[in-house]
Structures are given as structure tokens and as C-alpha cells.
Amino acid sequence: MRLLDEKFKTHRTRYVLQCSLAACVVCIVLLILNTISDTAIIAALGASSFIAFTMPRVDASQPRFLIGGYLIGTTIGCLCHHLVPLSCFIQLPFDPEHSQAILGAVSVGLAMFLMVITDTEHPPAAGLALAFVLNEWDYFTVIVVLVGIVSISTLKSLLKPLLLNLL
């Protein structure tokens, strides 16, 4: 049984560099957003950083998937978030007390569906859709999230020649 990945022995510097890049991106987002109320949103960006910097050559870490997935997850999450209070005023086939949970689930399913049919699958973006339904947020948060994912994508693309798939 081995404790360390065999590639680590020959690529120590790259492992440290790539994981440090992910940590720096998450740190910047943590310093900008409210770490208490935006936890799920920050977690999605953390997961995307992991994918981008540990698996730079897989589809899920390509700009189309990172940015496209986040655009879909953000849009669907924000739309479903705005439906939660409306459920008290319109006849929905479920109890208004459960509307946030049900619309959260709908946001994940709808975001997944749209990502799959547009070929922009990025798993953390489905979680982002749910985070926007369940958390309080403002448009500054949306801007930070989108700038964050574009920054992750851009940095990864610029450094791609230096990055290895660590997994």
C-alpha cells in the first residue's frame, strides 16, 4: 500500500504550484464575499478551482465548461430563488413552506439538463444553482462569482503548458 502518488516524486514543484494556485483563488474570493452567508457559493468556486488546477486537461476544466456551466447555474439558481417568494402568491402544486427545498431541487435538475444539452457540464455549477436558491445573495455576489470563474479559467488557460493532470 502506497501513501503518496508516484507522480509526486518527480513533479513535487508542480503539485505545490497547482494546489497553491487553487488556494490563492479561493482566498481572494473568501476575502471579497461574506464567508458565512455565501458558504455554498464559495464552496462551488473551491470545487471548480480543484478541477481546474488538478485536472487541467479534462473537459470539465476547459473554459467552455467552467464559464458555460457557471452562467447556466447562476441564471437558473437566481431565477428559482426569485420564484420562492412568488410561491406564496401563485397556486403551486406543493406547500409554500416547502417551496425553497423543491425549487432548490428543480434548480439542480434544470441546470444539469441545460448544461448537458449545451455541452457545458461542470458539476460544481449545479451545486451553485442550489446555493443561489438556498442562500441570500445580492448582485455583487453574482458578479464576484462570474468574475471568479472567468479568472480561474483564464489563469488555468494561461498556465496550461505548465500544468499537469495530477489525478
Protein backbone atom coordinates (compact mmCIF):
# COMPACT_ATOMS: atom_id res chain seq x y z
CA MET A 1 0.00 0.00 0.00
CA ARG A 2 1.47 3.35 -1.00
CA LEU A 3 0.78 6.57 0.83
CA LEU A 4 1.84 9.12 -1.83
CA ASP A 5 1.04 9.36 -5.52
CA GLU A 6 4.01 8.06 -7.52
CA LYS A 7 3.95 11.14 -9.81
CA PHE A 8 4.56 13.33 -6.76
CA LYS A 9 8.17 12.15 -6.51
CA THR A 10 9.07 13.58 -9.92
CA HIS A 11 6.70 16.57 -10.00
CA ARG A 12 6.77 17.98 -6.46
CA THR A 13 7.06 21.59 -7.65
CA ARG A 14 4.07 21.28 -9.96
CA TYR A 15 1.93 19.72 -7.24
CA VAL A 16 2.75 22.56 -4.86
CA LEU A 17 2.31 25.23 -7.55
CA GLN A 18 -1.02 23.95 -8.82
CA CYS A 19 -2.53 23.46 -5.36
CA SER A 20 -1.21 26.89 -4.30
CA LEU A 21 -2.91 28.50 -7.31
CA ALA A 22 -6.23 26.96 -6.31
CA ALA A 23 -5.74 28.13 -2.71
CA CYS A 24 -4.94 31.69 -3.86
CA VAL A 25 -8.08 31.90 -5.99
CA VAL A 26 -10.24 30.66 -3.12
CA CYS A 27 -8.53 33.08 -0.72
CA ILE A 28 -9.32 36.04 -2.95
CA VAL A 29 -12.98 35.01 -3.17
CA LEU A 30 -13.12 34.47 0.61
CA LEU A 31 -11.75 37.96 1.20
CA ILE A 32 -14.40 39.51 -1.07
CA LEU A 33 -17.56 37.56 -0.21
CA ASN A 34 -19.26 37.00 3.13
CA THR A 35 -17.85 33.67 4.29
CA ILE A 36 -20.90 32.95 6.45
CA SER A 37 -23.83 33.68 4.14
CA ASP A 38 -22.05 32.78 0.89
CA THR A 39 -20.51 29.49 2.06
CA ALA A 40 -22.16 27.25 -0.54
CA ILE A 41 -21.30 29.68 -3.33
CA ILE A 42 -17.67 29.83 -2.20
CA ALA A 43 -17.61 26.02 -1.94
CA ALA A 44 -18.64 25.74 -5.60
CA LEU A 45 -15.75 28.01 -6.61
CA GLY A 46 -13.41 25.95 -4.44
CA ALA A 47 -14.53 22.75 -6.20
CA SER A 48 -14.06 24.42 -9.59
CA SER A 49 -10.56 25.53 -8.57
CA PHE A 50 -9.77 21.94 -7.65
CA ILE A 51 -10.95 20.71 -11.06
CA ALA A 52 -9.18 23.48 -12.99
CA PHE A 53 -5.81 23.13 -11.28
CA THR A 54 -5.60 19.39 -10.59
CA MET A 55 -7.19 18.23 -13.86
CA PRO A 56 -6.31 20.98 -16.34
CA ARG A 57 -6.71 18.75 -19.39
CA VAL A 58 -10.15 17.21 -18.70
CA ASP A 59 -13.28 18.62 -20.33
CA ALA A 60 -14.78 19.91 -17.07
CA SER A 61 -11.84 22.29 -16.66
CA GLN A 62 -12.00 23.84 -20.13
CA PRO A 63 -13.30 27.43 -20.45
CA ARG A 64 -16.49 26.33 -22.24
CA PHE A 65 -17.40 24.06 -19.32
CA LEU A 66 -16.22 26.31 -16.47
CA ILE A 67 -17.78 29.54 -17.73
CA GLY A 68 -20.74 28.00 -19.56
CA GLY A 69 -21.66 25.84 -16.58
CA TYR A 70 -21.46 28.81 -14.23
CA LEU A 71 -23.57 31.01 -16.50
CA ILE A 72 -26.27 28.33 -16.55
CA GLY A 73 -26.01 27.52 -12.82
CA THR A 74 -26.12 31.20 -11.87
CA THR A 75 -29.04 32.01 -14.17
CA ILE A 76 -31.16 29.05 -13.11
CA GLY A 77 -30.32 29.49 -9.43
CA CYS A 78 -31.22 33.19 -9.49
CA LEU A 79 -34.48 32.54 -11.37
CA CYS A 80 -35.55 29.78 -8.99
CA HIS A 81 -34.55 31.94 -6.00
CA HIS A 82 -36.98 34.62 -7.20
CA LEU A 83 -39.75 32.02 -7.56
CA VAL A 84 -39.58 31.07 -3.85
CA PRO A 85 -41.43 34.18 -2.55
CA LEU A 86 -43.81 34.06 -5.51
CA SER A 87 -44.93 30.58 -4.48
CA CYS A 88 -46.96 32.20 -1.67
CA PHE A 89 -49.00 34.17 -4.20
CA ILE A 90 -49.50 31.71 -7.01
CA GLN A 91 -51.09 28.29 -6.97
CA LEU A 92 -48.27 25.77 -6.99
CA PRO A 93 -48.85 22.05 -6.57
CA PHE A 94 -46.89 21.98 -3.30
CA ASP A 95 -46.97 23.52 0.16
CA PRO A 96 -45.41 27.05 0.23
CA GLU A 97 -43.38 26.02 3.29
CA HIS A 98 -41.50 23.53 1.13
CA SER A 99 -41.07 25.80 -1.88
CA GLN A 100 -37.41 26.61 -1.19
CA ALA A 101 -36.44 22.94 -0.96
CA ILE A 102 -38.47 21.97 -4.02
CA LEU A 103 -37.24 24.91 -6.11
CA GLY A 104 -33.70 24.14 -4.97
CA ALA A 105 -34.05 20.62 -6.33
CA VAL A 106 -35.65 21.97 -9.52
CA SER A 107 -32.70 24.35 -9.96
CA VAL A 108 -30.20 21.48 -9.80
CA GLY A 109 -32.16 19.34 -12.25
CA LEU A 110 -32.80 22.19 -14.67
CA ALA A 111 -29.19 23.40 -14.52
CA MET A 112 -27.97 19.85 -15.16
CA PHE A 113 -30.36 19.46 -18.09
CA LEU A 114 -29.30 22.74 -19.69
CA MET A 115 -25.60 22.00 -19.16
CA VAL A 116 -25.96 18.57 -20.74
CA ILE A 117 -27.86 19.77 -23.81
CA THR A 118 -25.48 22.72 -24.34
CA ASP A 119 -22.35 20.61 -23.72
CA THR A 120 -21.21 22.81 -20.81
CA GLU A 121 -21.25 20.21 -17.99
CA HIS A 122 -19.46 21.37 -14.87
CA PRO A 123 -20.65 19.61 -11.66
CA PRO A 124 -19.91 22.46 -9.21
CA ALA A 125 -22.16 24.74 -11.30
CA ALA A 126 -25.16 22.52 -10.48
CA GLY A 127 -24.29 22.99 -6.81
CA LEU A 128 -24.02 26.72 -7.46
CA ALA A 129 -27.61 26.77 -8.76
CA LEU A 130 -28.75 25.20 -5.49
CA ALA A 131 -26.64 27.65 -3.46
CA PHE A 132 -28.33 30.62 -5.13
CA VAL A 133 -31.77 29.23 -4.21
CA LEU A 134 -30.92 28.40 -0.59
CA ASN A 135 -28.70 31.39 0.29
CA GLU A 136 -29.37 35.08 0.49
CA TRP A 137 -27.31 36.87 -2.15
CA ASP A 138 -27.10 40.15 -4.00
CA TYR A 139 -25.98 41.08 -7.48
CA PHE A 140 -22.48 41.88 -6.20
CA THR A 141 -22.21 38.19 -5.25
CA VAL A 142 -23.25 37.19 -8.78
CA ILE A 143 -20.61 39.48 -10.26
CA VAL A 144 -17.89 38.16 -7.93
CA VAL A 145 -18.81 34.56 -8.77
CA LEU A 146 -18.73 35.18 -12.52
CA VAL A 147 -15.50 37.20 -12.34
CA GLY A 148 -14.08 34.44 -10.13
CA ILE A 149 -14.84 31.65 -12.62
CA VAL A 150 -13.57 33.71 -15.55
CA SER A 151 -10.38 34.39 -13.55
CA ILE A 152 -9.93 30.69 -12.75
CA SER A 153 -10.49 29.80 -16.39
CA THR A 154 -8.14 32.49 -17.68
CA LEU A 155 -5.35 31.70 -15.22
CA LYS A 156 -5.63 28.00 -15.96
CA SER A 157 -5.56 28.64 -19.72
CA LEU A 158 -2.52 30.89 -19.46
CA LEU A 159 -0.64 28.38 -17.34
CA LYS A 160 -1.89 25.25 -19.11
CA PRO A 161 1.52 24.48 -20.71
CA LEU A 162 2.99 24.31 -17.19
CA LEU A 163 0.15 22.33 -15.59
CA LEU A 164 -0.09 18.55 -15.27
CA ASN A 165 -3.12 16.39 -14.64
CA LEU A 166 -2.42 15.48 -11.02
CA LEU A 167 -5.15 12.84 -10.88
